[in-house]
Amino acid sequence: MRPGRCNDAGQAFPIYITVVAGLLFLALAYLAVGQAAVNRSSAQTAADAAALAAAQGTRDQLAGKWVEDVLDPTKWQDIFNGGGAVDSCWRADQLAAQNDASEHCAHPEPLRYAVDVRTNKPVGDSIVPGTEHMKSKASATAVIEPLCTFKLPDADAGKDSLPQLTCRDRNWDLDPDALTDLPKPQDLFDVHLANDE
């Protein structure tokens, strides 16, 4: 008499279903993580853009003020320190709105803007409970860095002479009688994101 053979085909099917279900769950979990990452990235982009926009607004104001007072070099240092600039947080609000986010902008120092942003759209439905209404948040800080140095002329140099303005790797010899070639805002100030720790 021949021994009976066990039929294992029926036992493999539940294992196959379990493996497929597990893989499907993992795929959905990765999708949820991807949704959250995209939403967070959108928030960071909005924060960076908003902070830079506010700082660039102030940079442009300061550069315009410098041009207005170019014949009075005693006022230059105050301008390079951020004196007289009007708060440009309204530009941060514009950029945040264009990136579908709301923001809070602070101007703690004359040459610094700190922006906190929250996306208007939530992460959305996923297999992770409670995420459908969560909104991503991000922060960014932009600084305005003066690029120019100068030395006030001596009292006997004459009141109409202007100091040489050194901005990064260029020297500007300013002639009070021919002020046609003046530094642009980006020559006078650099605007960049700060690496807050």
C-alpha atoms as a PDB file:
ATOM      1  CA  MET A   1       0.000   0.000   0.000  1.00  0.00           C
ATOM      2  CA  ARG A   2       1.372   3.477  -0.969  1.00  0.00           C
ATOM      3  CA  PRO A   3       1.483   6.223   1.646  1.00  0.00           C
ATOM      4  CA  GLY A   4      -0.932   9.195   1.052  1.00  0.00           C
ATOM      5  CA  ARG A   5       0.540  12.519  -0.037  1.00  0.00           C
ATOM      6  CA  CYS A   6      -0.393  15.697   1.865  1.00  0.00           C
ATOM      7  CA  ASN A   7      -1.939  18.418  -0.202  1.00  0.00           C
ATOM      8  CA  ASP A   8      -0.141  21.708   0.756  1.00  0.00           C
ATOM      9  CA  ALA A   9      -1.719  23.828  -1.984  1.00  0.00           C
ATOM     10  CA  GLY A  10      -4.635  24.902   0.219  1.00  0.00           C
ATOM     11  CA  GLN A  11      -2.345  26.037   3.050  1.00  0.00           C
ATOM     12  CA  ALA A  12      -0.257  28.383   0.854  1.00  0.00           C
ATOM     13  CA  PHE A  13      -3.192  30.529  -0.203  1.00  0.00           C
ATOM     14  CA  PRO A  14      -3.810  32.202   3.222  1.00  0.00           C
ATOM     15  CA  ILE A  15      -0.070  32.947   3.518  1.00  0.00           C
ATOM     16  CA  TYR A  16      -0.117  34.488   0.047  1.00  0.00           C
ATOM     17  CA  ILE A  17      -3.120  36.680   0.956  1.00  0.00           C
ATOM     18  CA  THR A  18      -1.400  37.798   4.199  1.00  0.00           C
ATOM     19  CA  VAL A  19       1.809  38.734   2.357  1.00  0.00           C
ATOM     20  CA  VAL A  20      -0.095  40.676  -0.328  1.00  0.00           C
ATOM     21  CA  ALA A  21      -2.168  42.490   2.303  1.00  0.00           C
ATOM     22  CA  GLY A  22       1.004  43.390   4.217  1.00  0.00           C
ATOM     23  CA  LEU A  23       2.672  44.726   1.087  1.00  0.00           C
ATOM     24  CA  LEU A  24      -0.431  46.735   0.218  1.00  0.00           C
ATOM     25  CA  PHE A  25      -0.491  48.223   3.733  1.00  0.00           C
ATOM     26  CA  LEU A  26       3.188  49.172   3.429  1.00  0.00           C
ATOM     27  CA  ALA A  27       2.547  50.812   0.058  1.00  0.00           C
ATOM     28  CA  LEU A  28      -0.311  52.841   1.530  1.00  0.00           C
ATOM     29  CA  ALA A  29       1.848  53.807   4.509  1.00  0.00           C
ATOM     30  CA  TYR A  30       4.604  55.032   2.162  1.00  0.00           C
ATOM     31  CA  LEU A  31       1.978  56.984   0.235  1.00  0.00           C
ATOM     32  CA  ALA A  32       0.820  58.659   3.468  1.00  0.00           C
ATOM     33  CA  VAL A  33       4.415  59.547   4.336  1.00  0.00           C
ATOM     34  CA  GLY A  34       4.867  60.918   0.823  1.00  0.00           C
ATOM     35  CA  GLN A  35       1.713  63.041   1.138  1.00  0.00           C
ATOM     36  CA  ALA A  36       2.982  64.486   4.414  1.00  0.00           C
ATOM     37  CA  ALA A  37       6.443  65.141   2.944  1.00  0.00           C
ATOM     38  CA  VAL A  38       4.995  66.989  -0.049  1.00  0.00           C
ATOM     39  CA  ASN A  39       2.780  69.082   2.217  1.00  0.00           C
ATOM     40  CA  ARG A  40       5.720  69.867   4.512  1.00  0.00           C
ATOM     41  CA  SER A  41       7.876  70.778   1.523  1.00  0.00           C
ATOM     42  CA  SER A  42       5.170  73.164   0.313  1.00  0.00           C
ATOM     43  CA  ALA A  43       5.107  74.813   3.731  1.00  0.00           C
ATOM     44  CA  GLN A  44       8.891  75.241   3.754  1.00  0.00           C
ATOM     45  CA  THR A  45       8.868  76.679   0.234  1.00  0.00           C
ATOM     46  CA  ALA A  46       6.180  79.166   1.263  1.00  0.00           C
ATOM     47  CA  ALA A  47       8.110  80.153   4.398  1.00  0.00           C
ATOM     48  CA  ASP A  48      11.382  80.635   2.504  1.00  0.00           C
ATOM     49  CA  ALA A  49       9.723  82.685  -0.236  1.00  0.00           C
ATOM     50  CA  ALA A  50       7.814  84.842   2.253  1.00  0.00           C
ATOM     51  CA  ALA A  51      10.873  85.619   4.382  1.00  0.00           C
ATOM     52  CA  LEU A  52      12.992  86.450   1.322  1.00  0.00           C
ATOM     53  CA  ALA A  53      10.262  88.681  -0.130  1.00  0.00           C
ATOM     54  CA  ALA A  54      10.022  90.718   3.065  1.00  0.00           C
ATOM     55  CA  ALA A  55      13.801  91.077   3.289  1.00  0.00           C
ATOM     56  CA  GLN A  56      14.080  92.078  -0.376  1.00  0.00           C
ATOM     57  CA  GLY A  57      11.413  94.723   0.155  1.00  0.00           C
ATOM     58  CA  THR A  58      13.470  96.247   2.946  1.00  0.00           C
ATOM     59  CA  ARG A  59      16.661  95.941   0.906  1.00  0.00           C
ATOM     60  CA  ASP A  60      15.060  97.900  -1.933  1.00  0.00           C
ATOM     61  CA  GLN A  61      13.866 100.581   0.509  1.00  0.00           C
ATOM     62  CA  LEU A  62      17.327 100.936   2.039  1.00  0.00           C
ATOM     63  CA  ALA A  63      18.985 101.127  -1.374  1.00  0.00           C
ATOM     64  CA  GLY A  64      16.515 103.826  -2.425  1.00  0.00           C
ATOM     65  CA  LYS A  65      17.197 105.746   0.776  1.00  0.00           C
ATOM     66  CA  TRP A  66      20.943 105.493   0.149  1.00  0.00           C
ATOM     67  CA  VAL A  67      20.474 106.961  -3.353  1.00  0.00           C
ATOM     68  CA  GLU A  68      18.425 109.815  -1.868  1.00  0.00           C
ATOM     69  CA  ASP A  69      21.179 110.579   0.668  1.00  0.00           C
ATOM     70  CA  VAL A  70      24.163 109.778  -1.533  1.00  0.00           C
ATOM     71  CA  LEU A  71      25.454 113.347  -1.233  1.00  0.00           C
ATOM     72  CA  ASP A  72      25.438 113.140   2.585  1.00  0.00           C
ATOM     73  CA  PRO A  73      27.836 110.304   3.540  1.00  0.00           C
ATOM     74  CA  THR A  74      27.258 110.967   7.244  1.00  0.00           C
ATOM     75  CA  LYS A  75      23.895 109.198   6.794  1.00  0.00           C
ATOM     76  CA  TRP A  76      25.258 106.166   4.973  1.00  0.00           C
ATOM     77  CA  GLN A  77      26.163 104.055   7.994  1.00  0.00           C
ATOM     78  CA  ASP A  78      22.721 104.431   9.509  1.00  0.00           C
ATOM     79  CA  ILE A  79      21.211 103.250   6.219  1.00  0.00           C
ATOM     80  CA  PHE A  80      23.582 100.254   6.055  1.00  0.00           C
ATOM     81  CA  ASN A  81      22.486  99.405   9.609  1.00  0.00           C
ATOM     82  CA  GLY A  82      18.842  99.319   8.505  1.00  0.00           C
ATOM     83  CA  GLY A  83      17.793 102.734   9.768  1.00  0.00           C
ATOM     84  CA  GLY A  84      14.705 104.299   8.246  1.00  0.00           C
ATOM     85  CA  ALA A  85      13.304 101.201   6.557  1.00  0.00           C
ATOM     86  CA  VAL A  86       9.599 100.473   6.814  1.00  0.00           C
ATOM     87  CA  ASP A  87       8.484  96.988   7.844  1.00  0.00           C
ATOM     88  CA  SER A  88       7.919  94.857   4.713  1.00  0.00           C
ATOM     89  CA  CYS A  89       5.976  91.998   6.295  1.00  0.00           C
ATOM     90  CA  TRP A  90       3.138  92.735   3.883  1.00  0.00           C
ATOM     91  CA  ARG A  91       5.302  91.219   1.134  1.00  0.00           C
ATOM     92  CA  ALA A  92       5.647  88.039   3.178  1.00  0.00           C
ATOM     93  CA  ASP A  93       1.865  87.865   3.379  1.00  0.00           C
ATOM     94  CA  GLN A  94       1.585  88.217  -0.416  1.00  0.00           C
ATOM     95  CA  LEU A  95       4.077  85.438  -1.099  1.00  0.00           C
ATOM     96  CA  ALA A  96       2.521  83.108   1.472  1.00  0.00           C
ATOM     97  CA  ALA A  97      -0.897  83.627  -0.113  1.00  0.00           C
ATOM     98  CA  GLN A  98       0.537  82.839  -3.559  1.00  0.00           C
ATOM     99  CA  ASN A  99       1.845  79.564  -2.100  1.00  0.00           C
ATOM    100  CA  ASP A 100      -1.575  78.756  -0.577  1.00  0.00           C
ATOM    101  CA  ALA A 101      -0.471  79.306   3.014  1.00  0.00           C
ATOM    102  CA  SER A 102      -1.021  81.697   5.889  1.00  0.00           C
ATOM    103  CA  GLU A 103       1.877  83.289   7.733  1.00  0.00           C
ATOM    104  CA  HIS A 104       3.017  85.212  10.758  1.00  0.00           C
ATOM    105  CA  CYS A 105       5.865  87.617  10.072  1.00  0.00           C
ATOM    106  CA  ALA A 106       8.078  89.231  12.685  1.00  0.00           C
ATOM    107  CA  HIS A 107      10.714  91.907  12.200  1.00  0.00           C
ATOM    108  CA  PRO A 108      12.812  91.492  15.375  1.00  0.00           C
ATOM    109  CA  GLU A 109      15.790  93.440  14.035  1.00  0.00           C
ATOM    110  CA  PRO A 110      16.092  96.055  11.267  1.00  0.00           C
ATOM    111  CA  LEU A 111      17.902  93.609   8.963  1.00  0.00           C
ATOM    112  CA  ARG A 112      16.093  90.364   9.840  1.00  0.00           C
ATOM    113  CA  TYR A 113      12.690  88.811   9.127  1.00  0.00           C
ATOM    114  CA  ALA A 114      11.318  85.678  10.789  1.00  0.00           C
ATOM    115  CA  VAL A 115       8.312  84.004   9.160  1.00  0.00           C
ATOM    116  CA  ASP A 116       6.140  81.109  10.365  1.00  0.00           C
ATOM    117  CA  VAL A 117       3.877  79.516   7.761  1.00  0.00           C
ATOM    118  CA  ARG A 118       1.004  77.039   7.877  1.00  0.00           C
ATOM    119  CA  THR A 119      -0.416  75.459   4.732  1.00  0.00           C
ATOM    120  CA  ASN A 120      -4.070  76.098   3.961  1.00  0.00           C
ATOM    121  CA  LYS A 121      -4.522  72.555   2.650  1.00  0.00           C
ATOM    122  CA  PRO A 122      -4.361  69.608   5.064  1.00  0.00           C
ATOM    123  CA  VAL A 123      -2.306  66.487   4.473  1.00  0.00           C
ATOM    124  CA  GLY A 124      -5.472  64.708   3.311  1.00  0.00           C
ATOM    125  CA  ASP A 125      -6.971  61.258   3.756  1.00  0.00           C
ATOM    126  CA  SER A 126      -4.582  58.418   4.417  1.00  0.00           C
ATOM    127  CA  ILE A 127      -4.381  55.187   6.369  1.00  0.00           C
ATOM    128  CA  VAL A 128      -2.896  57.109   9.309  1.00  0.00           C
ATOM    129  CA  PRO A 129      -5.833  58.170  11.485  1.00  0.00           C
ATOM    130  CA  GLY A 130      -6.181  61.863  12.334  1.00  0.00           C
ATOM    131  CA  THR A 131      -4.017  63.219   9.502  1.00  0.00           C
ATOM    132  CA  GLU A 132      -6.866  64.269   7.225  1.00  0.00           C
ATOM    133  CA  HIS A 133      -7.160  67.682   8.948  1.00  0.00           C
ATOM    134  CA  MET A 134      -3.494  68.245   9.852  1.00  0.00           C
ATOM    135  CA  LYS A 135      -1.731  71.198   8.210  1.00  0.00           C
ATOM    136  CA  SER A 136       2.015  71.493   7.799  1.00  0.00           C
ATOM    137  CA  LYS A 137       4.026  74.247   9.445  1.00  0.00           C
ATOM    138  CA  ALA A 138       7.448  75.666   8.623  1.00  0.00           C
ATOM    139  CA  SER A 139       9.666  78.585   9.605  1.00  0.00           C
ATOM    140  CA  ALA A 140      12.291  80.634   7.817  1.00  0.00           C
ATOM    141  CA  THR A 141      14.486  83.596   8.650  1.00  0.00           C
ATOM    142  CA  ALA A 142      15.918  85.955   6.049  1.00  0.00           C
ATOM    143  CA  VAL A 143      18.651  88.474   6.713  1.00  0.00           C
ATOM    144  CA  ILE A 144      19.836  91.556   4.864  1.00  0.00           C
ATOM    145  CA  GLU A 145      23.601  91.850   4.886  1.00  0.00           C
ATOM    146  CA  PRO A 146      25.290  95.167   4.025  1.00  0.00           C
ATOM    147  CA  LEU A 147      28.051  94.576   1.488  1.00  0.00           C
ATOM    148  CA  CYS A 148      29.759  97.963   1.500  1.00  0.00           C
ATOM    149  CA  THR A 149      32.277  99.802   3.631  1.00  0.00           C
ATOM    150  CA  PHE A 150      33.581 103.341   3.400  1.00  0.00           C
ATOM    151  CA  LYS A 151      35.650 105.861   5.271  1.00  0.00           C
ATOM    152  CA  LEU A 152      34.341 109.369   5.749  1.00  0.00           C
ATOM    153  CA  PRO A 153      36.587 112.003   4.169  1.00  0.00           C
ATOM    154  CA  ASP A 154      38.679 114.290   6.343  1.00  0.00           C
ATOM    155  CA  ALA A 155      37.272 117.674   7.185  1.00  0.00           C
ATOM    156  CA  ASP A 156      39.807 119.377   4.907  1.00  0.00           C
ATOM    157  CA  ALA A 157      38.872 117.213   1.901  1.00  0.00           C
ATOM    158  CA  GLY A 158      36.058 119.564   0.966  1.00  0.00           C
ATOM    159  CA  LYS A 159      32.388 119.152   1.653  1.00  0.00           C
ATOM    160  CA  ASP A 160      31.604 118.131  -1.913  1.00  0.00           C
ATOM    161  CA  SER A 161      33.885 115.091  -1.978  1.00  0.00           C
ATOM    162  CA  LEU A 162      32.391 111.655  -1.471  1.00  0.00           C
ATOM    163  CA  PRO A 163      34.144 108.652   0.066  1.00  0.00           C
ATOM    164  CA  GLN A 164      35.063 105.632  -1.977  1.00  0.00           C
ATOM    165  CA  LEU A 165      32.486 102.891  -1.488  1.00  0.00           C
ATOM    166  CA  THR A 166      33.898  99.371  -1.388  1.00  0.00           C
ATOM    167  CA  CYS A 167      31.250  96.708  -2.047  1.00  0.00           C
ATOM    168  CA  ARG A 168      32.545  93.146  -2.066  1.00  0.00           C
ATOM    169  CA  ASP A 169      35.131  93.109  -4.840  1.00  0.00           C
ATOM    170  CA  ARG A 170      34.298  96.448  -6.494  1.00  0.00           C
ATOM    171  CA  ASN A 171      35.240 100.000  -5.572  1.00  0.00           C
ATOM    172  CA  TRP A 172      32.852 102.813  -6.430  1.00  0.00           C
ATOM    173  CA  ASP A 173      34.474 106.224  -6.890  1.00  0.00           C
ATOM    174  CA  LEU A 174      31.494 108.532  -6.651  1.00  0.00           C
ATOM    175  CA  ASP A 175      31.587 111.894  -8.359  1.00  0.00           C
ATOM    176  CA  PRO A 176      29.042 114.294  -6.831  1.00  0.00           C
ATOM    177  CA  ASP A 177      28.764 116.098 -10.178  1.00  0.00           C
ATOM    178  CA  ALA A 178      28.083 112.928 -12.212  1.00  0.00           C
ATOM    179  CA  LEU A 179      26.055 110.427 -10.195  1.00  0.00           C
ATOM    180  CA  THR A 180      25.031 108.267 -13.126  1.00  0.00           C
ATOM    181  CA  ASP A 181      26.714 104.962 -12.310  1.00  0.00           C
ATOM    182  CA  LEU A 182      25.491 104.090  -8.828  1.00  0.00           C
ATOM    183  CA  PRO A 183      25.440 100.668  -7.147  1.00  0.00           C
ATOM    184  CA  LYS A 184      22.241  98.678  -7.512  1.00  0.00           C
ATOM    185  CA  PRO A 185      20.371  97.290  -4.472  1.00  0.00           C
ATOM    186  CA  GLN A 186      22.062  93.887  -4.906  1.00  0.00           C
ATOM    187  CA  ASP A 187      25.450  95.639  -4.935  1.00  0.00           C
ATOM    188  CA  LEU A 188      24.726  97.341  -1.619  1.00  0.00           C
ATOM    189  CA  PHE A 189      22.978  94.514   0.245  1.00  0.00           C
ATOM    190  CA  ASP A 190      22.798  90.732   0.092  1.00  0.00           C
ATOM    191  CA  VAL A 191      19.581  88.943   1.032  1.00  0.00           C
ATOM    192  CA  HIS A 192      19.736  85.294   2.079  1.00  0.00           C
ATOM    193  CA  LEU A 193      18.129  82.736   4.341  1.00  0.00           C
ATOM    194  CA  ALA A 194      19.688  82.339   7.753  1.00  0.00           C
ATOM    195  CA  ASN A 195      20.624  78.927   9.127  1.00  0.00           C
ATOM    196  CA  ASP A 196      18.958  79.189  12.526  1.00  0.00           C
ATOM    197  CA  GLU A 197      20.042  76.483  14.905  1.00  0.00           C
END
